Amino acid sequence: MDILTASSRLEALGNPTRLAIYRALVRAGGAGAPVGRLQELIGIPASTLSHHLAKLCGCGLVAQTREGTVLRCRANYPVMNELVGYLVDECCADAKAEPVSACGDAGCA
């Protein structure tokens, strides 16, 4: 992942409403959640939810599928894992030799 992709995804998650939506989808697991259920959980108007979902889908964090009249949203776990990996891949890489790394994990450095 490049820095522009990572920053776009982090920017999308930097909004409290979008972060709440994303966390709800992560909690929902692989089945995801219908848009109506997300609206109930988050407590925002449909148009506002649609705006935030468009941002999350646009950067690849969320995928949507149509099931008849239901629009189902799912967290894109491979993209989520890639973003988290990008953040921690080089944890403590530039740290001087320490008995315990800066992140508190002796095996990290």
PDB file of N, CA and C in Angstrom:
ATOM      1  N   MET A   1       0.850  -1.166   0.000  1.00  0.00           N
ATOM      2  CA  MET A   1       0.000   0.000   0.000  1.00  0.00           C
ATOM      3  C   MET A   1       0.897   1.230   0.000  1.00  0.00           C
ATOM      4  N   ASP A   2       0.493   2.235  -0.740  1.00  0.00           N
ATOM      5  CA  ASP A   2       1.269   3.472  -0.770  1.00  0.00           C
ATOM      6  C   ASP A   2       0.677   4.471   0.226  1.00  0.00           C
ATOM      7  N   ILE A   3       1.421   5.521   0.481  1.00  0.00           N
ATOM      8  CA  ILE A   3       1.029   6.495   1.496  1.00  0.00           C
ATOM      9  C   ILE A   3      -0.249   7.254   1.123  1.00  0.00           C
ATOM     10  N   LEU A   4      -0.488   7.476  -0.170  1.00  0.00           N
ATOM     11  CA  LEU A   4      -1.705   8.178  -0.583  1.00  0.00           C
ATOM     12  C   LEU A   4      -2.954   7.331  -0.326  1.00  0.00           C
ATOM     13  N   THR A   5      -2.867   6.048  -0.604  1.00  0.00           N
ATOM     14  CA  THR A   5      -3.990   5.152  -0.340  1.00  0.00           C
ATOM     15  C   THR A   5      -4.251   5.066   1.156  1.00  0.00           C
ATOM     16  N   ALA A   6      -3.190   4.905   1.924  1.00  0.00           N
ATOM     17  CA  ALA A   6      -3.339   4.818   3.378  1.00  0.00           C
ATOM     18  C   ALA A   6      -3.947   6.099   3.931  1.00  0.00           C
ATOM     19  N   SER A   7      -3.481   7.246   3.471  1.00  0.00           N
ATOM     20  CA  SER A   7      -4.007   8.508   3.991  1.00  0.00           C
ATOM     21  C   SER A   7      -5.470   8.711   3.608  1.00  0.00           C
ATOM     22  N   SER A   8      -5.861   8.266   2.430  1.00  0.00           N
ATOM     23  CA  SER A   8      -7.260   8.354   2.010  1.00  0.00           C
ATOM     24  C   SER A   8      -8.155   7.514   2.913  1.00  0.00           C
ATOM     25  N   ARG A   9      -7.704   6.319   3.232  1.00  0.00           N
ATOM     26  CA  ARG A   9      -8.487   5.434   4.092  1.00  0.00           C
ATOM     27  C   ARG A   9      -8.536   5.958   5.526  1.00  0.00           C
ATOM     28  N   LEU A  10      -7.432   6.455   6.003  1.00  0.00           N
ATOM     29  CA  LEU A  10      -7.408   7.016   7.356  1.00  0.00           C
ATOM     30  C   LEU A  10      -8.257   8.278   7.439  1.00  0.00           C
ATOM     31  N   GLU A  11      -8.246   9.071   6.365  1.00  0.00           N
ATOM     32  CA  GLU A  11      -9.095  10.268   6.324  1.00  0.00           C
ATOM     33  C   GLU A  11     -10.571   9.880   6.414  1.00  0.00           C
ATOM     34  N   ALA A  12     -10.948   8.832   5.703  1.00  0.00           N
ATOM     35  CA  ALA A  12     -12.340   8.376   5.747  1.00  0.00           C
ATOM     36  C   ALA A  12     -12.729   7.955   7.158  1.00  0.00           C
ATOM     37  N   LEU A  13     -11.819   7.314   7.855  1.00  0.00           N
ATOM     38  CA  LEU A  13     -12.096   6.862   9.218  1.00  0.00           C
ATOM     39  C   LEU A  13     -11.944   7.978  10.241  1.00  0.00           C
ATOM     40  N   GLY A  14     -11.414   9.121   9.813  1.00  0.00           N
ATOM     41  CA  GLY A  14     -11.189  10.244  10.715  1.00  0.00           C
ATOM     42  C   GLY A  14     -12.443  11.010  11.085  1.00  0.00           C
ATOM     43  N   ASN A  15     -13.552  10.684  10.471  1.00  0.00           N
ATOM     44  CA  ASN A  15     -14.827  11.315  10.801  1.00  0.00           C
ATOM     45  C   ASN A  15     -15.549  10.449  11.825  1.00  0.00           C
ATOM     46  N   PRO A  16     -16.030  11.017  12.932  1.00  0.00           N
ATOM     47  CA  PRO A  16     -16.660  10.198  13.978  1.00  0.00           C
ATOM     48  C   PRO A  16     -17.850   9.359  13.490  1.00  0.00           C
ATOM     49  N   THR A  17     -18.655   9.917  12.604  1.00  0.00           N
ATOM     50  CA  THR A  17     -19.813   9.163  12.098  1.00  0.00           C
ATOM     51  C   THR A  17     -19.359   8.012  11.235  1.00  0.00           C
ATOM     52  N   ARG A  18     -18.404   8.259  10.351  1.00  0.00           N
ATOM     53  CA  ARG A  18     -17.908   7.168   9.494  1.00  0.00           C
ATOM     54  C   ARG A  18     -17.208   6.101  10.322  1.00  0.00           C
ATOM     55  N   LEU A  19     -16.488   6.501  11.344  1.00  0.00           N
ATOM     56  CA  LEU A  19     -15.834   5.522  12.207  1.00  0.00           C
ATOM     57  C   LEU A  19     -16.886   4.674  12.926  1.00  0.00           C
ATOM     58  N   ALA A  20     -17.962   5.281  13.368  1.00  0.00           N
ATOM     59  CA  ALA A  20     -19.046   4.527  14.021  1.00  0.00           C
ATOM     60  C   ALA A  20     -19.689   3.543  13.045  1.00  0.00           C
ATOM     61  N   ILE A  21     -19.908   3.975  11.823  1.00  0.00           N
ATOM     62  CA  ILE A  21     -20.470   3.095  10.785  1.00  0.00           C
ATOM     63  C   ILE A  21     -19.528   1.927  10.540  1.00  0.00           C
ATOM     64  N   TYR A  22     -18.248   2.233  10.372  1.00  0.00           N
ATOM     65  CA  TYR A  22     -17.270   1.195  10.068  1.00  0.00           C
ATOM     66  C   TYR A  22     -17.154   0.203  11.215  1.00  0.00           C
ATOM     67  N   ARG A  23     -17.119   0.695  12.428  1.00  0.00           N
ATOM     68  CA  ARG A  23     -17.044  -0.202  13.588  1.00  0.00           C
ATOM     69  C   ARG A  23     -18.271  -1.107  13.658  1.00  0.00           C
ATOM     70  N   ALA A  24     -19.438  -0.560  13.330  1.00  0.00           N
ATOM     71  CA  ALA A  24     -20.654  -1.372  13.324  1.00  0.00           C
ATOM     72  C   ALA A  24     -20.549  -2.479  12.279  1.00  0.00           C
ATOM     73  N   LEU A  25     -19.973  -2.162  11.129  1.00  0.00           N
ATOM     74  CA  LEU A  25     -19.820  -3.170  10.083  1.00  0.00           C
ATOM     75  C   LEU A  25     -18.767  -4.210  10.458  1.00  0.00           C
ATOM     76  N   VAL A  26     -17.700  -3.792  11.088  1.00  0.00           N
ATOM     77  CA  VAL A  26     -16.685  -4.742  11.542  1.00  0.00           C
ATOM     78  C   VAL A  26     -17.308  -5.683  12.569  1.00  0.00           C
ATOM     79  N   ARG A  27     -18.098  -5.132  13.474  1.00  0.00           N
ATOM     80  CA  ARG A  27     -18.777  -5.951  14.492  1.00  0.00           C
ATOM     81  C   ARG A  27     -19.783  -6.917  13.861  1.00  0.00           C
ATOM     82  N   ALA A  28     -20.373  -6.529  12.735  1.00  0.00           N
ATOM     83  CA  ALA A  28     -21.393  -7.360  12.078  1.00  0.00           C
ATOM     84  C   ALA A  28     -20.810  -8.623  11.465  1.00  0.00           C
ATOM     85  N   GLY A  29     -19.511  -8.653  11.246  1.00  0.00           N
ATOM     86  CA  GLY A  29     -18.889  -9.835  10.660  1.00  0.00           C
ATOM     87  C   GLY A  29     -19.101  -9.914   9.160  1.00  0.00           C
ATOM     88  N   GLY A  30     -18.843 -11.089   8.637  1.00  0.00           N
ATOM     89  CA  GLY A  30     -18.897 -11.300   7.192  1.00  0.00           C
ATOM     90  C   GLY A  30     -20.265 -11.090   6.569  1.00  0.00           C
ATOM     91  N   ALA A  31     -21.320 -11.263   7.340  1.00  0.00           N
ATOM     92  CA  ALA A  31     -22.679 -11.065   6.816  1.00  0.00           C
ATOM     93  C   ALA A  31     -22.978  -9.598   6.573  1.00  0.00           C
ATOM     94  N   GLY A  32     -22.253  -8.716   7.242  1.00  0.00           N
ATOM     95  CA  GLY A  32     -22.504  -7.294   7.079  1.00  0.00           C
ATOM     96  C   GLY A  32     -23.824  -6.881   7.692  1.00  0.00           C
ATOM     97  N   ALA A  33     -24.339  -5.748   7.238  1.00  0.00           N
ATOM     98  CA  ALA A  33     -25.601  -5.228   7.760  1.00  0.00           C
ATOM     99  C   ALA A  33     -26.336  -4.468   6.667  1.00  0.00           C
ATOM    100  N   PRO A  34     -27.654  -4.600   6.648  1.00  0.00           N
ATOM    101  CA  PRO A  34     -28.438  -3.794   5.712  1.00  0.00           C
ATOM    102  C   PRO A  34     -28.334  -2.309   6.088  1.00  0.00           C
ATOM    103  N   VAL A  35     -28.467  -1.454   5.105  1.00  0.00           N
ATOM    104  CA  VAL A  35     -28.388  -0.016   5.336  1.00  0.00           C
ATOM    105  C   VAL A  35     -29.406   0.421   6.386  1.00  0.00           C
ATOM    106  N   GLY A  36     -30.597  -0.140   6.344  1.00  0.00           N
ATOM    107  CA  GLY A  36     -31.621   0.218   7.324  1.00  0.00           C
ATOM    108  C   GLY A  36     -31.194  -0.083   8.754  1.00  0.00           C
ATOM    109  N   ARG A  37     -30.520  -1.189   8.935  1.00  0.00           N
ATOM    110  CA  ARG A  37     -30.026  -1.548  10.272  1.00  0.00           C
ATOM    111  C   ARG A  37     -28.928  -0.579  10.713  1.00  0.00           C
ATOM    112  N   LEU A  38     -28.047  -0.212   9.794  1.00  0.00           N
ATOM    113  CA  LEU A  38     -27.013   0.768  10.116  1.00  0.00           C
ATOM    114  C   LEU A  38     -27.641   2.099  10.524  1.00  0.00           C
ATOM    115  N   GLN A  39     -28.683   2.488   9.819  1.00  0.00           N
ATOM    116  CA  GLN A  39     -29.358   3.744  10.130  1.00  0.00           C
ATOM    117  C   GLN A  39     -29.930   3.700  11.553  1.00  0.00           C
ATOM    118  N   GLU A  40     -30.502   2.561  11.921  1.00  0.00           N
ATOM    119  CA  GLU A  40     -31.025   2.405  13.282  1.00  0.00           C
ATOM    120  C   GLU A  40     -29.897   2.467  14.315  1.00  0.00           C
ATOM    121  N   LEU A  41     -28.811   1.758  14.042  1.00  0.00           N
ATOM    122  CA  LEU A  41     -27.696   1.702  14.989  1.00  0.00           C
ATOM    123  C   LEU A  41     -27.039   3.059  15.213  1.00  0.00           C
ATOM    124  N   ILE A  42     -26.830   3.790  14.127  1.00  0.00           N
ATOM    125  CA  ILE A  42     -26.092   5.046  14.192  1.00  0.00           C
ATOM    126  C   ILE A  42     -27.014   6.219  14.513  1.00  0.00           C
ATOM    127  N   GLY A  43     -28.272   6.113  14.095  1.00  0.00           N
ATOM    128  CA  GLY A  43     -29.245   7.159  14.394  1.00  0.00           C
ATOM    129  C   GLY A  43     -29.076   8.423  13.577  1.00  0.00           C
ATOM    130  N   ILE A  44     -28.852   8.248  12.272  1.00  0.00           N
ATOM    131  CA  ILE A  44     -28.707   9.399  11.384  1.00  0.00           C
ATOM    132  C   ILE A  44     -29.679   9.258  10.212  1.00  0.00           C
ATOM    133  N   PRO A  45     -30.026  10.370   9.558  1.00  0.00           N
ATOM    134  CA  PRO A  45     -30.914  10.302   8.395  1.00  0.00           C
ATOM    135  C   PRO A  45     -30.305   9.478   7.260  1.00  0.00           C
ATOM    136  N   ALA A  46     -31.162   8.905   6.448  1.00  0.00           N
ATOM    137  CA  ALA A  46     -30.724   8.055   5.334  1.00  0.00           C
ATOM    138  C   ALA A  46     -29.779   8.793   4.387  1.00  0.00           C
ATOM    139  N   SER A  47     -30.080  10.055   4.094  1.00  0.00           N
ATOM    140  CA  SER A  47     -29.225  10.806   3.162  1.00  0.00           C
ATOM    141  C   SER A  47     -27.828  11.023   3.742  1.00  0.00           C
ATOM    142  N   THR A  48     -27.740  11.255   5.040  1.00  0.00           N
ATOM    143  CA  THR A  48     -26.440  11.431   5.688  1.00  0.00           C
ATOM    144  C   THR A  48     -25.670  10.120   5.690  1.00  0.00           C
ATOM    145  N   LEU A  49     -26.364   9.027   5.990  1.00  0.00           N
ATOM    146  CA  LEU A  49     -25.737   7.707   5.974  1.00  0.00           C
ATOM    147  C   LEU A  49     -25.203   7.391   4.589  1.00  0.00           C
ATOM    148  N   SER A  50     -26.001   7.684   3.578  1.00  0.00           N
ATOM    149  CA  SER A  50     -25.591   7.428   2.194  1.00  0.00           C
ATOM    150  C   SER A  50     -24.314   8.183   1.848  1.00  0.00           C
ATOM    151  N   HIS A  51     -24.243   9.430   2.268  1.00  0.00           N
ATOM    152  CA  HIS A  51     -23.044  10.251   2.025  1.00  0.00           C
ATOM    153  C   HIS A  51     -21.806   9.608   2.667  1.00  0.00           C
ATOM    154  N   HIS A  52     -21.936   9.185   3.913  1.00  0.00           N
ATOM    155  CA  HIS A  52     -20.801   8.594   4.616  1.00  0.00           C
ATOM    156  C   HIS A  52     -20.423   7.229   4.039  1.00  0.00           C
ATOM    157  N   LEU A  53     -21.416   6.440   3.668  1.00  0.00           N
ATOM    158  CA  LEU A  53     -21.128   5.138   3.055  1.00  0.00           C
ATOM    159  C   LEU A  53     -20.408   5.306   1.717  1.00  0.00           C
ATOM    160  N   ALA A  54     -20.778   6.333   0.960  1.00  0.00           N
ATOM    161  CA  ALA A  54     -20.111   6.585  -0.326  1.00  0.00           C
ATOM    162  C   ALA A  54     -18.624   6.836  -0.112  1.00  0.00           C
ATOM    163  N   LYS A  55     -18.283   7.561   0.935  1.00  0.00           N
ATOM    164  CA  LYS A  55     -16.868   7.841   1.235  1.00  0.00           C
ATOM    165  C   LYS A  55     -16.145   6.550   1.629  1.00  0.00           C
ATOM    166  N   LEU A  56     -16.779   5.734   2.466  1.00  0.00           N
ATOM    167  CA  LEU A  56     -16.159   4.475   2.900  1.00  0.00           C
ATOM    168  C   LEU A  56     -16.024   3.485   1.743  1.00  0.00           C
ATOM    169  N   CYS A  57     -17.016   3.456   0.870  1.00  0.00           N
ATOM    170  CA  CYS A  57     -16.946   2.571  -0.303  1.00  0.00           C
ATOM    171  C   CYS A  57     -15.904   3.078  -1.300  1.00  0.00           C
ATOM    172  N   GLY A  58     -15.839   4.387  -1.452  1.00  0.00           N
ATOM    173  CA  GLY A  58     -14.925   4.989  -2.418  1.00  0.00           C
ATOM    174  C   GLY A  58     -13.465   4.687  -2.146  1.00  0.00           C
ATOM    175  N   CYS A  59     -13.109   4.520  -0.874  1.00  0.00           N
ATOM    176  CA  CYS A  59     -11.706   4.230  -0.549  1.00  0.00           C
ATOM    177  C   CYS A  59     -11.480   2.730  -0.337  1.00  0.00           C
ATOM    178  N   GLY A  60     -12.532   1.923  -0.527  1.00  0.00           N
ATOM    179  CA  GLY A  60     -12.376   0.472  -0.488  1.00  0.00           C
ATOM    180  C   GLY A  60     -12.581  -0.179   0.863  1.00  0.00           C
ATOM    181  N   LEU A  61     -12.898   0.600   1.896  1.00  0.00           N
ATOM    182  CA  LEU A  61     -13.078   0.016   3.221  1.00  0.00           C
ATOM    183  C   LEU A  61     -14.388  -0.748   3.361  1.00  0.00           C
ATOM    184  N   VAL A  62     -15.390  -0.375   2.566  1.00  0.00           N
ATOM    185  CA  VAL A  62     -16.712  -0.994   2.641  1.00  0.00           C
ATOM    186  C   VAL A  62     -17.147  -1.427   1.243  1.00  0.00           C
ATOM    187  N   ALA A  63     -17.818  -2.571   1.180  1.00  0.00           N
ATOM    188  CA  ALA A  63     -18.400  -3.057  -0.070  1.00  0.00           C
ATOM    189  C   ALA A  63     -19.915  -3.147   0.123  1.00  0.00           C
ATOM    190  N   GLN A  64     -20.655  -2.927  -0.942  1.00  0.00           N
ATOM    191  CA  GLN A  64     -22.101  -3.016  -0.893  1.00  0.00           C
ATOM    192  C   GLN A  64     -22.595  -4.008  -1.928  1.00  0.00           C
ATOM    193  N   THR A  65     -23.645  -4.741  -1.567  1.00  0.00           N
ATOM    194  CA  THR A  65     -24.303  -5.634  -2.511  1.00  0.00           C
ATOM    195  C   THR A  65     -25.806  -5.411  -2.411  1.00  0.00           C
ATOM    196  N   ARG A  66     -26.463  -5.553  -3.533  1.00  0.00           N
ATOM    197  CA  ARG A  66     -27.914  -5.397  -3.577  1.00  0.00           C
ATOM    198  C   ARG A  66     -28.525  -6.784  -3.485  1.00  0.00           C
ATOM    199  N   GLU A  67     -29.458  -6.955  -2.556  1.00  0.00           N
ATOM    200  CA  GLU A  67     -30.190  -8.215  -2.379  1.00  0.00           C
ATOM    201  C   GLU A  67     -31.678  -7.898  -2.493  1.00  0.00           C
ATOM    202  N   GLY A  68     -32.167  -7.882  -3.720  1.00  0.00           N
ATOM    203  CA  GLY A  68     -33.553  -7.468  -3.947  1.00  0.00           C
ATOM    204  C   GLY A  68     -33.690  -5.986  -3.640  1.00  0.00           C
ATOM    205  N   THR A  69     -34.488  -5.663  -2.636  1.00  0.00           N
ATOM    206  CA  THR A  69     -34.666  -4.262  -2.257  1.00  0.00           C
ATOM    207  C   THR A  69     -33.733  -3.836  -1.125  1.00  0.00           C
ATOM    208  N   VAL A  70     -32.925  -4.756  -0.641  1.00  0.00           N
ATOM    209  CA  VAL A  70     -32.032  -4.476   0.484  1.00  0.00           C
ATOM    210  C   VAL A  70     -30.618  -4.191  -0.026  1.00  0.00           C
ATOM    211  N   LEU A  71     -30.048  -3.105   0.485  1.00  0.00           N
ATOM    212  CA  LEU A  71     -28.653  -2.796   0.198  1.00  0.00           C
ATOM    213  C   LEU A  71     -27.851  -3.200   1.427  1.00  0.00           C
ATOM    214  N   ARG A  72     -26.982  -4.200   1.259  1.00  0.00           N
ATOM    215  CA  ARG A  72     -26.191  -4.741   2.370  1.00  0.00           C
ATOM    216  C   ARG A  72     -24.763  -4.213   2.281  1.00  0.00           C
ATOM    217  N   CYS A  73     -24.247  -3.794   3.414  1.00  0.00           N
ATOM    218  CA  CYS A  73     -22.885  -3.270   3.493  1.00  0.00           C
ATOM    219  C   CYS A  73     -22.019  -4.226   4.301  1.00  0.00           C
ATOM    220  N   ARG A  74     -20.783  -4.359   3.875  1.00  0.00           N
ATOM    221  CA  ARG A  74     -19.832  -5.228   4.570  1.00  0.00           C
ATOM    222  C   ARG A  74     -18.488  -4.516   4.682  1.00  0.00           C
ATOM    223  N   ALA A  75     -17.843  -4.713   5.821  1.00  0.00           N
ATOM    224  CA  ALA A  75     -16.467  -4.244   5.947  1.00  0.00           C
ATOM    225  C   ALA A  75     -15.607  -5.086   5.019  1.00  0.00           C
ATOM    226  N   ASN A  76     -14.709  -4.445   4.327  1.00  0.00           N
ATOM    227  CA  ASN A  76     -13.779  -5.153   3.448  1.00  0.00           C
ATOM    228  C   ASN A  76     -12.565  -5.519   4.305  1.00  0.00           C
ATOM    229  N   TYR A  77     -12.611  -6.717   4.896  1.00  0.00           N
ATOM    230  CA  TYR A  77     -11.575  -7.129   5.849  1.00  0.00           C
ATOM    231  C   TYR A  77     -10.172  -7.182   5.265  1.00  0.00           C
ATOM    232  N   PRO A  78      -9.972  -7.650   4.030  1.00  0.00           N
ATOM    233  CA  PRO A  78      -8.606  -7.618   3.489  1.00  0.00           C
ATOM    234  C   PRO A  78      -8.041  -6.194   3.416  1.00  0.00           C
ATOM    235  N   VAL A  79      -8.883  -5.223   3.053  1.00  0.00           N
ATOM    236  CA  VAL A  79      -8.424  -3.832   2.997  1.00  0.00           C
ATOM    237  C   VAL A  79      -8.132  -3.317   4.404  1.00  0.00           C
ATOM    238  N   MET A  80      -8.994  -3.652   5.358  1.00  0.00           N
ATOM    239  CA  MET A  80      -8.768  -3.257   6.745  1.00  0.00           C
ATOM    240  C   MET A  80      -7.441  -3.828   7.255  1.00  0.00           C
ATOM    241  N   ASN A  81      -7.214  -5.105   7.006  1.00  0.00           N
ATOM    242  CA  ASN A  81      -5.976  -5.745   7.458  1.00  0.00           C
ATOM    243  C   ASN A  81      -4.752  -5.141   6.782  1.00  0.00           C
ATOM    244  N   GLU A  82      -4.906  -4.782   5.506  1.00  0.00           N
ATOM    245  CA  GLU A  82      -3.799  -4.150   4.790  1.00  0.00           C
ATOM    246  C   GLU A  82      -3.473  -2.789   5.408  1.00  0.00           C
ATOM    247  N   LEU A  83      -4.493  -2.028   5.775  1.00  0.00           N
ATOM    248  CA  LEU A  83      -4.277  -0.713   6.382  1.00  0.00           C
ATOM    249  C   LEU A  83      -3.615  -0.854   7.755  1.00  0.00           C
ATOM    250  N   VAL A  84      -4.107  -1.759   8.563  1.00  0.00           N
ATOM    251  CA  VAL A  84      -3.498  -1.986   9.878  1.00  0.00           C
ATOM    252  C   VAL A  84      -2.060  -2.466   9.699  1.00  0.00           C
ATOM    253  N   GLY A  85      -1.838  -3.357   8.752  1.00  0.00           N
ATOM    254  CA  GLY A  85      -0.493  -3.838   8.470  1.00  0.00           C
ATOM    255  C   GLY A  85       0.434  -2.713   8.054  1.00  0.00           C
ATOM    256  N   TYR A  86      -0.076  -1.808   7.238  1.00  0.00           N
ATOM    257  CA  TYR A  86       0.715  -0.661   6.801  1.00  0.00           C
ATOM    258  C   TYR A  86       1.179   0.162   8.003  1.00  0.00           C
ATOM    259  N   LEU A  87       0.302   0.291   8.991  1.00  0.00           N
ATOM    260  CA  LEU A  87       0.627   1.088  10.170  1.00  0.00           C
ATOM    261  C   LEU A  87       1.647   0.403  11.078  1.00  0.00           C
ATOM    262  N   VAL A  88       1.634  -0.918  11.137  1.00  0.00           N
ATOM    263  CA  VAL A  88       2.492  -1.610  12.094  1.00  0.00           C
ATOM    264  C   VAL A  88       3.649  -2.394  11.474  1.00  0.00           C
ATOM    265  N   ASP A  89       3.696  -2.495  10.168  1.00  0.00           N
ATOM    266  CA  ASP A  89       4.735  -3.287   9.502  1.00  0.00           C
ATOM    267  C   ASP A  89       6.148  -2.932   9.940  1.00  0.00           C
ATOM    268  N   GLU A  90       6.404  -1.685  10.125  1.00  0.00           N
ATOM    269  CA  GLU A  90       7.756  -1.276  10.451  1.00  0.00           C
ATOM    270  C   GLU A  90       7.858  -0.755  11.881  1.00  0.00           C
ATOM    271  N   CYS A  91       7.012  -1.289  12.744  1.00  0.00           N
ATOM    272  CA  CYS A  91       7.018  -0.878  14.145  1.00  0.00           C
ATOM    273  C   CYS A  91       8.425  -1.014  14.715  1.00  0.00           C
ATOM    274  N   CYS A  92       8.916   0.051  15.263  1.00  0.00           N
ATOM    275  CA  CYS A  92      10.210   0.096  15.957  1.00  0.00           C
ATOM    276  C   CYS A  92      11.406  -0.163  15.028  1.00  0.00           C
ATOM    277  N   ALA A  93      11.216  -0.063  13.711  1.00  0.00           N
ATOM    278  CA  ALA A  93      12.295  -0.367  12.766  1.00  0.00           C
ATOM    279  C   ALA A  93      13.502   0.545  12.946  1.00  0.00           C
ATOM    280  N   ASP A  94      13.293   1.775  13.364  1.00  0.00           N
ATOM    281  CA  ASP A  94      14.400   2.712  13.524  1.00  0.00           C
ATOM    282  C   ASP A  94      14.813   2.889  14.982  1.00  0.00           C
ATOM    283  N   ALA A  95      14.229   2.098  15.864  1.00  0.00           N
ATOM    284  CA  ALA A  95      14.563   2.217  17.285  1.00  0.00           C
ATOM    285  C   ALA A  95      15.952   1.648  17.542  1.00  0.00           C
ATOM    286  N   LYS A  96      16.673   2.270  18.423  1.00  0.00           N
ATOM    287  CA  LYS A  96      17.965   1.735  18.852  1.00  0.00           C
ATOM    288  C   LYS A  96      17.692   0.450  19.627  1.00  0.00           C
ATOM    289  N   ALA A  97      18.678  -0.410  19.715  1.00  0.00           N
ATOM    290  CA  ALA A  97      18.513  -1.673  20.443  1.00  0.00           C
ATOM    291  C   ALA A  97      18.063  -1.372  21.863  1.00  0.00           C
ATOM    292  N   GLU A  98      16.927  -1.930  22.226  1.00  0.00           N
ATOM    293  CA  GLU A  98      16.359  -1.744  23.559  1.00  0.00           C
ATOM    294  C   GLU A  98      15.957  -3.109  24.092  1.00  0.00           C
ATOM    295  N   PRO A  99      15.981  -3.301  25.400  1.00  0.00           N
ATOM    296  CA  PRO A  99      15.536  -4.589  25.950  1.00  0.00           C
ATOM    297  C   PRO A  99      14.088  -4.863  25.617  1.00  0.00           C
ATOM    298  N   VAL A 100      13.249  -3.841  25.641  1.00  0.00           N
ATOM    299  CA  VAL A 100      11.835  -3.956  25.261  1.00  0.00           C
ATOM    300  C   VAL A 100      11.560  -2.839  24.281  1.00  0.00           C
ATOM    301  N   SER A 101      10.902  -3.140  23.180  1.00  0.00           N
ATOM    302  CA  SER A 101      10.659  -2.135  22.162  1.00  0.00           C
ATOM    303  C   SER A 101       9.737  -1.032  22.665  1.00  0.00           C
ATOM    304  N   ALA A 102       9.675   0.033  21.904  1.00  0.00           N
ATOM    305  CA  ALA A 102       8.854   1.189  22.274  1.00  0.00           C
ATOM    306  C   ALA A 102       7.374   0.843  22.362  1.00  0.00           C
ATOM    307  N   CYS A 103       6.947  -0.179  21.631  1.00  0.00           N
ATOM    308  CA  CYS A 103       5.525  -0.534  21.661  1.00  0.00           C
ATOM    309  C   CYS A 103       5.229  -1.528  22.783  1.00  0.00           C
ATOM    310  N   GLY A 104       6.227  -1.882  23.545  1.00  0.00           N
ATOM    311  CA  GLY A 104       6.000  -2.749  24.700  1.00  0.00           C
ATOM    312  C   GLY A 104       6.080  -4.226  24.416  1.00  0.00           C
ATOM    313  N   ASP A 105       6.359  -4.611  23.194  1.00  0.00           N
ATOM    314  CA  ASP A 105       6.435  -6.025  22.823  1.00  0.00           C
ATOM    315  C   ASP A 105       7.899  -6.387  22.591  1.00  0.00           C
ATOM    316  N   ALA A 106       8.436  -7.224  23.418  1.00  0.00           N
ATOM    317  CA  ALA A 106       9.853  -7.579  23.312  1.00  0.00           C
ATOM    318  C   ALA A 106      10.204  -8.178  21.957  1.00  0.00           C
ATOM    319  N   GLY A 107       9.233  -8.789  21.288  1.00  0.00           N
ATOM    320  CA  GLY A 107       9.497  -9.408  19.998  1.00  0.00           C
ATOM    321  C   GLY A 107       9.292  -8.480  18.828  1.00  0.00           C
ATOM    322  N   CYS A 108       8.883  -7.257  19.075  1.00  0.00           N
ATOM    323  CA  CYS A 108       8.541  -6.331  18.008  1.00  0.00           C
ATOM    324  C   CYS A 108       9.768  -5.839  17.267  1.00  0.00           C
ATOM    325  N   ALA A 109      10.813  -5.464  17.973  1.00  0.00           N
ATOM    326  CA  ALA A 109      11.978  -4.848  17.355  1.00  0.00           C
ATOM    327  C   ALA A 109      12.843  -5.824  16.720  1.00  0.00           C
TER     328      ALA A 109
END
